[in-house]
């Protein structure tokens, strides 16, 4: 499974109001987006010695998201229904779980 950062547009049900956030988006074997991280992406580092390098890598990958088409929440599943969970939202942690090629690490 691969992933990258992407901008996703969310629309509040019953309104025209929308907001945008950067999330980790996970792809199926054919390269199609299939799920995204539960929370919006954060910029953080657990490595005191290499924090500058690690934070720069995350920020560079987030900047790459600005160059890609914006995804919509509805690209992943039908519009939300009140009180129902979203089966296409990943519960994968949103920090530091992939190598520099975007491959998830064990």
PDB file of N, CA and C in Angstrom:
ATOM      1  N   UNK A   1       0.856  -1.180   0.000  1.00  0.00           N
ATOM      2  CA  UNK A   1       0.000   0.000   0.000  1.00  0.00           C
ATOM      3  C   UNK A   1       0.895   1.233   0.000  1.00  0.00           C
ATOM      4  N   UNK A   2       0.561   2.193  -0.825  1.00  0.00           N
ATOM      5  CA  UNK A   2       1.301   3.451  -0.846  1.00  0.00           C
ATOM      6  C   UNK A   2       0.388   4.573  -0.376  1.00  0.00           C
ATOM      7  N   UNK A   3       0.994   5.697  -0.081  1.00  0.00           N
ATOM      8  CA  UNK A   3       0.223   6.853   0.367  1.00  0.00           C
ATOM      9  C   UNK A   3       0.966   8.115  -0.023  1.00  0.00           C
ATOM     10  N   UNK A   4       0.247   9.210   0.027  1.00  0.00           N
ATOM     11  CA  UNK A   4       0.852  10.536  -0.063  1.00  0.00           C
ATOM     12  C   UNK A   4      -0.105  11.525   0.591  1.00  0.00           C
ATOM     13  N   UNK A   5       0.361  12.747   0.719  1.00  0.00           N
ATOM     14  CA  UNK A   5      -0.507  13.797   1.248  1.00  0.00           C
ATOM     15  C   UNK A   5      -1.345  14.352   0.110  1.00  0.00           C
ATOM     16  N   UNK A   6      -2.620  14.597   0.378  1.00  0.00           N
ATOM     17  CA  UNK A   6      -3.513  15.205  -0.607  1.00  0.00           C
ATOM     18  C   UNK A   6      -4.447  16.161   0.111  1.00  0.00           C
ATOM     19  N   UNK A   7      -4.891  17.157  -0.623  1.00  0.00           N
ATOM     20  CA  UNK A   7      -5.918  18.062  -0.111  1.00  0.00           C
ATOM     21  C   UNK A   7      -7.266  17.410  -0.381  1.00  0.00           C
ATOM     22  N   UNK A   8      -8.117  17.390   0.645  1.00  0.00           N
ATOM     23  CA  UNK A   8      -9.467  16.842   0.504  1.00  0.00           C
ATOM     24  C   UNK A   8     -10.464  17.931   0.868  1.00  0.00           C
ATOM     25  N   UNK A   9     -11.476  18.078   0.029  1.00  0.00           N
ATOM     26  CA  UNK A   9     -12.576  19.014   0.309  1.00  0.00           C
ATOM     27  C   UNK A   9     -13.691  18.247   1.019  1.00  0.00           C
ATOM     28  N   UNK A  10     -14.139  18.808   2.129  1.00  0.00           N
ATOM     29  CA  UNK A  10     -15.245  18.247   2.899  1.00  0.00           C
ATOM     30  C   UNK A  10     -16.417  19.212   2.822  1.00  0.00           C
ATOM     31  N   UNK A  11     -17.630  18.682   2.693  1.00  0.00           N
ATOM     32  CA  UNK A  11     -18.831  19.513   2.632  1.00  0.00           C
ATOM     33  C   UNK A  11     -19.717  19.146   3.811  1.00  0.00           C
ATOM     34  N   UNK A  12     -20.153  20.161   4.533  1.00  0.00           N
ATOM     35  CA  UNK A  12     -21.049  19.948   5.668  1.00  0.00           C
ATOM     36  C   UNK A  12     -22.407  19.500   5.136  1.00  0.00           C
ATOM     37  N   UNK A  13     -22.902  18.332   5.582  1.00  0.00           N
ATOM     38  CA  UNK A  13     -24.196  17.847   5.093  1.00  0.00           C
ATOM     39  C   UNK A  13     -25.310  18.873   5.307  1.00  0.00           C
ATOM     40  N   UNK A  14     -26.145  19.029   4.302  1.00  0.00           N
ATOM     41  CA  UNK A  14     -27.285  19.934   4.395  1.00  0.00           C
ATOM     42  C   UNK A  14     -26.950  21.395   4.167  1.00  0.00           C
ATOM     43  N   UNK A  15     -25.694  21.683   3.859  1.00  0.00           N
ATOM     44  CA  UNK A  15     -25.285  23.073   3.614  1.00  0.00           C
ATOM     45  C   UNK A  15     -24.405  23.117   2.373  1.00  0.00           C
ATOM     46  N   UNK A  16     -24.040  24.294   1.995  1.00  0.00           N
ATOM     47  CA  UNK A  16     -23.082  24.479   0.897  1.00  0.00           C
ATOM     48  C   UNK A  16     -21.680  24.755   1.445  1.00  0.00           C
ATOM     49  N   UNK A  17     -21.546  24.766   2.766  1.00  0.00           N
ATOM     50  CA  UNK A  17     -20.263  25.100   3.386  1.00  0.00           C
ATOM     51  C   UNK A  17     -19.262  23.962   3.223  1.00  0.00           C
ATOM     52  N   UNK A  18     -18.054  24.326   2.824  1.00  0.00           N
ATOM     53  CA  UNK A  18     -17.011  23.318   2.682  1.00  0.00           C
ATOM     54  C   UNK A  18     -15.728  23.810   3.335  1.00  0.00           C
ATOM     55  N   UNK A  19     -14.843  22.868   3.610  1.00  0.00           N
ATOM     56  CA  UNK A  19     -13.526  23.193   4.133  1.00  0.00           C
ATOM     57  C   UNK A  19     -12.534  22.208   3.525  1.00  0.00           C
ATOM     58  N   UNK A  20     -11.263  22.567   3.602  1.00  0.00           N
ATOM     59  CA  UNK A  20     -10.203  21.788   2.983  1.00  0.00           C
ATOM     60  C   UNK A  20      -9.164  21.435   4.041  1.00  0.00           C
ATOM     61  N   UNK A  21      -8.600  20.241   3.930  1.00  0.00           N
ATOM     62  CA  UNK A  21      -7.551  19.814   4.849  1.00  0.00           C
ATOM     63  C   UNK A  21      -6.605  18.878   4.113  1.00  0.00           C
ATOM     64  N   UNK A  22      -5.360  18.854   4.566  1.00  0.00           N
ATOM     65  CA  UNK A  22      -4.389  17.904   4.022  1.00  0.00           C
ATOM     66  C   UNK A  22      -4.474  16.633   4.859  1.00  0.00           C
ATOM     67  N   UNK A  23      -4.655  15.508   4.176  1.00  0.00           N
ATOM     68  CA  UNK A  23      -4.723  14.194   4.817  1.00  0.00           C
ATOM     69  C   UNK A  23      -3.752  13.251   4.131  1.00  0.00           C
ATOM     70  N   UNK A  24      -3.388  12.182   4.827  1.00  0.00           N
ATOM     71  CA  UNK A  24      -2.687  11.084   4.191  1.00  0.00           C
ATOM     72  C   UNK A  24      -3.733  10.297   3.416  1.00  0.00           C
ATOM     73  N   UNK A  25      -3.493  10.074   2.128  1.00  0.00           N
ATOM     74  CA  UNK A  25      -4.407   9.305   1.287  1.00  0.00           C
ATOM     75  C   UNK A  25      -3.704   8.010   0.905  1.00  0.00           C
ATOM     76  N   UNK A  26      -4.422   6.903   1.065  1.00  0.00           N
ATOM     77  CA  UNK A  26      -3.889   5.568   0.801  1.00  0.00           C
ATOM     78  C   UNK A  26      -4.478   5.040  -0.499  1.00  0.00           C
ATOM     79  N   UNK A  27      -3.650   4.349  -1.280  1.00  0.00           N
ATOM     80  CA  UNK A  27      -4.017   3.905  -2.622  1.00  0.00           C
ATOM     81  C   UNK A  27      -4.075   2.385  -2.708  1.00  0.00           C
ATOM     82  N   UNK A  28      -4.986   1.889  -3.556  1.00  0.00           N
ATOM     83  CA  UNK A  28      -5.052   0.448  -3.795  1.00  0.00           C
ATOM     84  C   UNK A  28      -3.926   0.045  -4.750  1.00  0.00           C
ATOM     85  N   UNK A  29      -3.862  -1.232  -5.074  1.00  0.00           N
ATOM     86  CA  UNK A  29      -2.779  -1.736  -5.930  1.00  0.00           C
ATOM     87  C   UNK A  29      -2.812  -1.165  -7.339  1.00  0.00           C
ATOM     88  N   UNK A  30      -3.966  -0.653  -7.762  1.00  0.00           N
ATOM     89  CA  UNK A  30      -4.092  -0.046  -9.091  1.00  0.00           C
ATOM     90  C   UNK A  30      -3.783   1.449  -9.064  1.00  0.00           C
ATOM     91  N   UNK A  31      -3.435   1.985  -7.883  1.00  0.00           N
ATOM     92  CA  UNK A  31      -3.092   3.397  -7.768  1.00  0.00           C
ATOM     93  C   UNK A  31      -4.271   4.323  -7.557  1.00  0.00           C
ATOM     94  N   UNK A  32      -5.446   3.760  -7.250  1.00  0.00           N
ATOM     95  CA  UNK A  32      -6.637   4.583  -7.003  1.00  0.00           C
ATOM     96  C   UNK A  32      -6.738   4.911  -5.518  1.00  0.00           C
ATOM     97  N   UNK A  33      -7.080   6.165  -5.182  1.00  0.00           N
ATOM     98  CA  UNK A  33      -7.279   6.500  -3.771  1.00  0.00           C
ATOM     99  C   UNK A  33      -8.398   5.638  -3.195  1.00  0.00           C
ATOM    100  N   UNK A  34      -8.134   5.011  -2.023  1.00  0.00           N
ATOM    101  CA  UNK A  34      -9.163   4.163  -1.441  1.00  0.00           C
ATOM    102  C   UNK A  34      -9.541   4.544  -0.017  1.00  0.00           C
ATOM    103  N   UNK A  35      -8.678   5.258   0.692  1.00  0.00           N
ATOM    104  CA  UNK A  35      -9.014   5.696   2.047  1.00  0.00           C
ATOM    105  C   UNK A  35      -8.103   6.857   2.426  1.00  0.00           C
ATOM    106  N   UNK A  36      -8.426   7.491   3.546  1.00  0.00           N
ATOM    107  CA  UNK A  36      -7.592   8.595   4.020  1.00  0.00           C
ATOM    108  C   UNK A  36      -7.536   8.577   5.532  1.00  0.00           C
ATOM    109  N   UNK A  37      -6.533   9.260   6.088  1.00  0.00           N
ATOM    110  CA  UNK A  37      -6.337   9.285   7.533  1.00  0.00           C
ATOM    111  C   UNK A  37      -7.518   9.948   8.219  1.00  0.00           C
ATOM    112  N   UNK A  38      -7.818   9.472   9.414  1.00  0.00           N
ATOM    113  CA  UNK A  38      -8.959   9.988  10.164  1.00  0.00           C
ATOM    114  C   UNK A  38      -8.799  11.468  10.492  1.00  0.00           C
ATOM    115  N   UNK A  39      -7.620  11.855  10.911  1.00  0.00           N
ATOM    116  CA  UNK A  39      -7.371  13.256  11.242  1.00  0.00           C
ATOM    117  C   UNK A  39      -6.554  13.936  10.159  1.00  0.00           C
ATOM    118  N   UNK A  40      -6.662  15.244  10.102  1.00  0.00           N
ATOM    119  CA  UNK A  40      -5.830  16.012   9.174  1.00  0.00           C
ATOM    120  C   UNK A  40      -4.365  15.804   9.543  1.00  0.00           C
ATOM    121  N   UNK A  41      -3.495  15.929   8.567  1.00  0.00           N
ATOM    122  CA  UNK A  41      -2.068  15.710   8.776  1.00  0.00           C
ATOM    123  C   UNK A  41      -1.487  16.763   9.720  1.00  0.00           C
ATOM    124  N   UNK A  42      -0.505  16.340  10.474  1.00  0.00           N
ATOM    125  CA  UNK A  42       0.206  17.249  11.370  1.00  0.00           C
ATOM    126  C   UNK A  42       1.692  17.211  11.016  1.00  0.00           C
ATOM    127  N   UNK A  43       2.392  18.250  11.383  1.00  0.00           N
ATOM    128  CA  UNK A  43       3.837  18.308  11.164  1.00  0.00           C
ATOM    129  C   UNK A  43       4.494  18.148  12.519  1.00  0.00           C
ATOM    130  N   UNK A  44       5.189  17.010  12.691  1.00  0.00           N
ATOM    131  CA  UNK A  44       5.852  16.749  13.965  1.00  0.00           C
ATOM    132  C   UNK A  44       7.011  15.796  13.749  1.00  0.00           C
ATOM    133  N   UNK A  45       7.903  15.736  14.724  1.00  0.00           N
ATOM    134  CA  UNK A  45       9.055  14.844  14.646  1.00  0.00           C
ATOM    135  C   UNK A  45       9.311  14.244  16.015  1.00  0.00           C
ATOM    136  N   UNK A  46       9.719  12.975  16.020  1.00  0.00           N
ATOM    137  CA  UNK A  46      10.103  12.306  17.265  1.00  0.00           C
ATOM    138  C   UNK A  46      11.622  12.185  17.365  1.00  0.00           C
ATOM    139  N   UNK A  47      12.324  12.683  16.367  1.00  0.00           N
ATOM    140  CA  UNK A  47      13.769  12.522  16.269  1.00  0.00           C
ATOM    141  C   UNK A  47      14.468  13.846  16.567  1.00  0.00           C
ATOM    142  N   UNK A  48      14.946  14.018  17.798  1.00  0.00           N
ATOM    143  CA  UNK A  48      15.589  15.275  18.187  1.00  0.00           C
ATOM    144  C   UNK A  48      16.818  15.566  17.326  1.00  0.00           C
ATOM    145  N   UNK A  49      17.587  14.537  17.009  1.00  0.00           N
ATOM    146  CA  UNK A  49      18.814  14.744  16.236  1.00  0.00           C
ATOM    147  C   UNK A  49      18.520  15.085  14.778  1.00  0.00           C
ATOM    148  N   UNK A  50      17.472  14.512  14.213  1.00  0.00           N
ATOM    149  CA  UNK A  50      17.192  14.732  12.803  1.00  0.00           C
ATOM    150  C   UNK A  50      15.904  15.477  12.545  1.00  0.00           C
ATOM    151  N   UNK A  51      15.463  16.240  13.546  1.00  0.00           N
ATOM    152  CA  UNK A  51      14.149  16.880  13.420  1.00  0.00           C
ATOM    153  C   UNK A  51      14.049  17.819  12.223  1.00  0.00           C
ATOM    154  N   UNK A  52      15.086  18.570  11.940  1.00  0.00           N
ATOM    155  CA  UNK A  52      15.031  19.507  10.824  1.00  0.00           C
ATOM    156  C   UNK A  52      14.843  18.765   9.504  1.00  0.00           C
ATOM    157  N   UNK A  53      15.601  17.685   9.317  1.00  0.00           N
ATOM    158  CA  UNK A  53      15.498  16.893   8.090  1.00  0.00           C
ATOM    159  C   UNK A  53      14.118  16.236   7.988  1.00  0.00           C
ATOM    160  N   UNK A  54      13.655  15.657   9.078  1.00  0.00           N
ATOM    161  CA  UNK A  54      12.363  14.969   9.084  1.00  0.00           C
ATOM    162  C   UNK A  54      11.210  15.944   8.847  1.00  0.00           C
ATOM    163  N   UNK A  55      11.241  17.083   9.528  1.00  0.00           N
ATOM    164  CA  UNK A  55      10.176  18.074   9.348  1.00  0.00           C
ATOM    165  C   UNK A  55      10.200  18.651   7.937  1.00  0.00           C
ATOM    166  N   UNK A  56      11.386  18.859   7.389  1.00  0.00           N
ATOM    167  CA  UNK A  56      11.492  19.359   6.014  1.00  0.00           C
ATOM    168  C   UNK A  56      10.901  18.364   5.029  1.00  0.00           C
ATOM    169  N   UNK A  57      11.149  17.060   5.259  1.00  0.00           N
ATOM    170  CA  UNK A  57      10.597  16.027   4.381  1.00  0.00           C
ATOM    171  C   UNK A  57       9.068  16.075   4.399  1.00  0.00           C
ATOM    172  N   UNK A  58       8.482  16.156   5.604  1.00  0.00           N
ATOM    173  CA  UNK A  58       7.019  16.209   5.731  1.00  0.00           C
ATOM    174  C   UNK A  58       6.474  17.449   5.028  1.00  0.00           C
ATOM    175  N   UNK A  59       7.084  18.593   5.259  1.00  0.00           N
ATOM    176  CA  UNK A  59       6.607  19.828   4.626  1.00  0.00           C
ATOM    177  C   UNK A  59       6.735  19.770   3.103  1.00  0.00           C
ATOM    178  N   UNK A  60       7.827  19.183   2.602  1.00  0.00           N
ATOM    179  CA  UNK A  60       7.981  19.030   1.148  1.00  0.00           C
ATOM    180  C   UNK A  60       6.869  18.162   0.575  1.00  0.00           C
ATOM    181  N   UNK A  61       6.536  17.068   1.255  1.00  0.00           N
ATOM    182  CA  UNK A  61       5.470  16.181   0.782  1.00  0.00           C
ATOM    183  C   UNK A  61       4.114  16.880   0.846  1.00  0.00           C
ATOM    184  N   UNK A  62       3.906  17.718   1.847  1.00  0.00           N
ATOM    185  CA  UNK A  62       2.655  18.485   1.927  1.00  0.00           C
ATOM    186  C   UNK A  62       2.591  19.515   0.802  1.00  0.00           C
ATOM    187  N   UNK A  63       3.737  20.138   0.484  1.00  0.00           N
ATOM    188  CA  UNK A  63       3.767  21.086  -0.642  1.00  0.00           C
ATOM    189  C   UNK A  63       3.427  20.386  -1.954  1.00  0.00           C
ATOM    190  N   UNK A  64       3.874  19.143  -2.099  1.00  0.00           N
ATOM    191  CA  UNK A  64       3.534  18.368  -3.298  1.00  0.00           C
ATOM    192  C   UNK A  64       2.021  18.231  -3.450  1.00  0.00           C
ATOM    193  N   UNK A  65       1.305  18.148  -2.341  1.00  0.00           N
ATOM    194  CA  UNK A  65      -0.159  18.017  -2.382  1.00  0.00           C
ATOM    195  C   UNK A  65      -0.804  19.228  -3.048  1.00  0.00           C
ATOM    196  N   UNK A  66      -0.169  20.385  -2.934  1.00  0.00           N
ATOM    197  CA  UNK A  66      -0.712  21.607  -3.536  1.00  0.00           C
ATOM    198  C   UNK A  66      -0.681  21.551  -5.061  1.00  0.00           C
ATOM    199  N   UNK A  67       0.158  20.687  -5.615  1.00  0.00           N
ATOM    200  CA  UNK A  67       0.305  20.575  -7.066  1.00  0.00           C
ATOM    201  C   UNK A  67      -0.613  19.514  -7.678  1.00  0.00           C
ATOM    202  N   UNK A  68      -1.283  18.757  -6.831  1.00  0.00           N
ATOM    203  CA  UNK A  68      -2.160  17.686  -7.304  1.00  0.00           C
ATOM    204  C   UNK A  68      -3.616  18.142  -7.239  1.00  0.00           C
ATOM    205  N   UNK A  69      -4.480  17.536  -8.045  1.00  0.00           N
ATOM    206  CA  UNK A  69      -5.905  17.901  -7.976  1.00  0.00           C
ATOM    207  C   UNK A  69      -6.474  17.647  -6.578  1.00  0.00           C
ATOM    208  N   UNK A  70      -7.366  18.519  -6.164  1.00  0.00           N
ATOM    209  CA  UNK A  70      -8.037  18.355  -4.874  1.00  0.00           C
ATOM    210  C   UNK A  70      -9.011  17.191  -4.957  1.00  0.00           C
ATOM    211  N   UNK A  71      -8.970  16.328  -3.954  1.00  0.00           N
ATOM    212  CA  UNK A  71      -9.932  15.234  -3.862  1.00  0.00           C
ATOM    213  C   UNK A  71     -11.143  15.718  -3.077  1.00  0.00           C
ATOM    214  N   UNK A  72     -12.246  15.029  -3.224  1.00  0.00           N
ATOM    215  CA  UNK A  72     -13.453  15.341  -2.461  1.00  0.00           C
ATOM    216  C   UNK A  72     -13.772  14.154  -1.563  1.00  0.00           C
ATOM    217  N   UNK A  73     -14.336  14.454  -0.415  1.00  0.00           N
ATOM    218  CA  UNK A  73     -14.753  13.390   0.491  1.00  0.00           C
ATOM    219  C   UNK A  73     -15.647  12.395  -0.249  1.00  0.00           C
ATOM    220  N   UNK A  74     -16.489  12.899  -1.139  1.00  0.00           N
ATOM    221  CA  UNK A  74     -17.407  12.034  -1.891  1.00  0.00           C
ATOM    222  C   UNK A  74     -16.684  11.140  -2.899  1.00  0.00           C
ATOM    223  N   UNK A  75     -15.401  11.403  -3.181  1.00  0.00           N
ATOM    224  CA  UNK A  75     -14.632  10.511  -4.050  1.00  0.00           C
ATOM    225  C   UNK A  75     -14.413   9.151  -3.387  1.00  0.00           C
ATOM    226  N   UNK A  76     -14.514   9.114  -2.070  1.00  0.00           N
ATOM    227  CA  UNK A  76     -14.230   7.898  -1.318  1.00  0.00           C
ATOM    228  C   UNK A  76     -15.480   7.102  -0.977  1.00  0.00           C
ATOM    229  N   UNK A  77     -16.614   7.773  -0.833  1.00  0.00           N
ATOM    230  CA  UNK A  77     -17.850   7.114  -0.414  1.00  0.00           C
ATOM    231  C   UNK A  77     -19.010   8.070  -0.605  1.00  0.00           C
ATOM    232  N   UNK A  78     -20.240   7.557  -0.537  1.00  0.00           N
ATOM    233  CA  UNK A  78     -21.409   8.436  -0.671  1.00  0.00           C
ATOM    234  C   UNK A  78     -21.436   9.487   0.435  1.00  0.00           C
ATOM    235  N   UNK A  79     -22.229  10.548   0.261  1.00  0.00           N
ATOM    236  CA  UNK A  79     -22.330  11.584   1.294  1.00  0.00           C
ATOM    237  C   UNK A  79     -22.639  10.991   2.661  1.00  0.00           C
ATOM    238  N   UNK A  80     -22.093  11.619   3.685  1.00  0.00           N
ATOM    239  CA  UNK A  80     -22.282  11.142   5.055  1.00  0.00           C
ATOM    240  C   UNK A  80     -23.742  11.162   5.460  1.00  0.00           C
ATOM    241  N   UNK A  81     -24.097  10.162   6.242  1.00  0.00           N
ATOM    242  CA  UNK A  81     -25.422  10.127   6.846  1.00  0.00           C
ATOM    243  C   UNK A  81     -25.234  10.361   8.333  1.00  0.00           C
ATOM    244  N   UNK A  82     -26.143  11.078   8.917  1.00  0.00           N
ATOM    245  CA  UNK A  82     -26.042  11.403  10.334  1.00  0.00           C
ATOM    246  C   UNK A  82     -25.948  10.124  11.168  1.00  0.00           C
ATOM    247  N   UNK A  83     -24.987  10.104  12.081  1.00  0.00           N
ATOM    248  CA  UNK A  83     -24.856   8.996  13.015  1.00  0.00           C
ATOM    249  C   UNK A  83     -24.191   7.753  12.458  1.00  0.00           C
ATOM    250  N   UNK A  84     -23.711   7.776  11.238  1.00  0.00           N
ATOM    251  CA  UNK A  84     -23.079   6.596  10.652  1.00  0.00           C
ATOM    252  C   UNK A  84     -21.596   6.839  10.462  1.00  0.00           C
ATOM    253  N   UNK A  85     -20.802   5.837  10.761  1.00  0.00           N
ATOM    254  CA  UNK A  85     -19.361   5.941  10.586  1.00  0.00           C
ATOM    255  C   UNK A  85     -18.972   5.813   9.128  1.00  0.00           C
ATOM    256  N   UNK A  86     -17.761   6.160   8.838  1.00  0.00           N
ATOM    257  CA  UNK A  86     -17.266   6.101   7.471  1.00  0.00           C
ATOM    258  C   UNK A  86     -16.299   4.930   7.337  1.00  0.00           C
ATOM    259  N   UNK A  87     -16.684   3.885   6.586  1.00  0.00           N
ATOM    260  CA  UNK A  87     -15.805   2.730   6.467  1.00  0.00           C
ATOM    261  C   UNK A  87     -14.551   2.983   5.639  1.00  0.00           C
ATOM    262  N   UNK A  88     -14.469   4.094   4.928  1.00  0.00           N
ATOM    263  CA  UNK A  88     -13.315   4.335   4.069  1.00  0.00           C
ATOM    264  C   UNK A  88     -12.322   5.294   4.701  1.00  0.00           C
ATOM    265  N   UNK A  89     -12.529   5.633   5.956  1.00  0.00           N
ATOM    266  CA  UNK A  89     -11.559   6.452   6.670  1.00  0.00           C
ATOM    267  C   UNK A  89     -10.631   5.503   7.401  1.00  0.00           C
ATOM    268  N   UNK A  90      -9.364   5.636   7.160  1.00  0.00           N
ATOM    269  CA  UNK A  90      -8.376   4.747   7.743  1.00  0.00           C
ATOM    270  C   UNK A  90      -8.139   5.083   9.208  1.00  0.00           C
ATOM    271  N   UNK A  91      -7.810   4.067   9.975  1.00  0.00           N
ATOM    272  CA  UNK A  91      -7.424   4.306  11.360  1.00  0.00           C
ATOM    273  C   UNK A  91      -5.909   4.225  11.511  1.00  0.00           C
ATOM    274  N   UNK A  92      -5.187   4.269  10.391  1.00  0.00           N
ATOM    275  CA  UNK A  92      -3.731   4.268  10.424  1.00  0.00           C
ATOM    276  C   UNK A  92      -3.273   5.566  11.076  1.00  0.00           C
ATOM    277  N   UNK A  93      -2.335   5.505  12.014  1.00  0.00           N
ATOM    278  CA  UNK A  93      -1.840   6.740  12.638  1.00  0.00           C
ATOM    279  C   UNK A  93      -1.355   7.722  11.583  1.00  0.00           C
ATOM    280  N   UNK A  94      -1.441   9.012  11.897  1.00  0.00           N
ATOM    281  CA  UNK A  94      -1.120  10.026  10.900  1.00  0.00           C
ATOM    282  C   UNK A  94       0.295  10.570  11.005  1.00  0.00           C
ATOM    283  N   UNK A  95       1.174   9.910  11.746  1.00  0.00           N
ATOM    284  CA  UNK A  95       2.523  10.468  11.868  1.00  0.00           C
ATOM    285  C   UNK A  95       3.588   9.399  11.724  1.00  0.00           C
ATOM    286  N   UNK A  96       4.528   9.650  10.810  1.00  0.00           N
ATOM    287  CA  UNK A  96       5.755   8.887  10.724  1.00  0.00           C
ATOM    288  C   UNK A  96       5.626   7.396  10.508  1.00  0.00           C
ATOM    289  N   UNK A  97       4.796   6.944   9.570  1.00  0.00           N
ATOM    290  CA  UNK A  97       4.647   5.509   9.381  1.00  0.00           C
ATOM    291  C   UNK A  97       5.057   5.065   7.983  1.00  0.00           C
ATOM    292  N   UNK A  98       5.826   5.858   7.278  1.00  0.00           N
ATOM    293  CA  UNK A  98       6.226   5.468   5.927  1.00  0.00           C
ATOM    294  C   UNK A  98       7.651   5.907   5.653  1.00  0.00           C
ATOM    295  N   UNK A  99       8.244   5.219   4.683  1.00  0.00           N
ATOM    296  CA  UNK A  99       9.591   5.605   4.293  1.00  0.00           C
ATOM    297  C   UNK A  99       9.534   6.717   3.246  1.00  0.00           C
ATOM    298  N   UNK A 100      10.685   7.137   2.758  1.00  0.00           N
ATOM    299  CA  UNK A 100      10.735   8.280   1.843  1.00  0.00           C
ATOM    300  C   UNK A 100      10.092   8.004   0.488  1.00  0.00           C
ATOM    301  N   UNK A 101       9.787   6.726   0.186  1.00  0.00           N
ATOM    302  CA  UNK A 101       9.100   6.385  -1.061  1.00  0.00           C
ATOM    303  C   UNK A 101       7.595   6.294  -0.875  1.00  0.00           C
ATOM    304  N   UNK A 102       7.105   6.580   0.324  1.00  0.00           N
ATOM    305  CA  UNK A 102       5.676   6.515   0.577  1.00  0.00           C
ATOM    306  C   UNK A 102       5.183   5.118   0.885  1.00  0.00           C
ATOM    307  N   UNK A 103       6.092   4.174   1.142  1.00  0.00           N
ATOM    308  CA  UNK A 103       5.699   2.811   1.479  1.00  0.00           C
ATOM    309  C   UNK A 103       5.465   2.716   2.982  1.00  0.00           C
ATOM    310  N   UNK A 104       4.347   2.113   3.354  1.00  0.00           N
ATOM    311  CA  UNK A 104       4.065   1.941   4.772  1.00  0.00           C
ATOM    312  C   UNK A 104       5.065   0.972   5.366  1.00  0.00           C
ATOM    313  N   UNK A 105       5.561   1.294   6.552  1.00  0.00           N
ATOM    314  CA  UNK A 105       6.488   0.406   7.228  1.00  0.00           C
ATOM    315  C   UNK A 105       5.736  -0.390   8.281  1.00  0.00           C
ATOM    316  N   UNK A 106       6.262  -1.544   8.599  1.00  0.00           N
ATOM    317  CA  UNK A 106       5.595  -2.425   9.565  1.00  0.00           C
ATOM    318  C   UNK A 106       5.773  -1.914  10.968  1.00  0.00           C
TER     319      UNK A 106
END
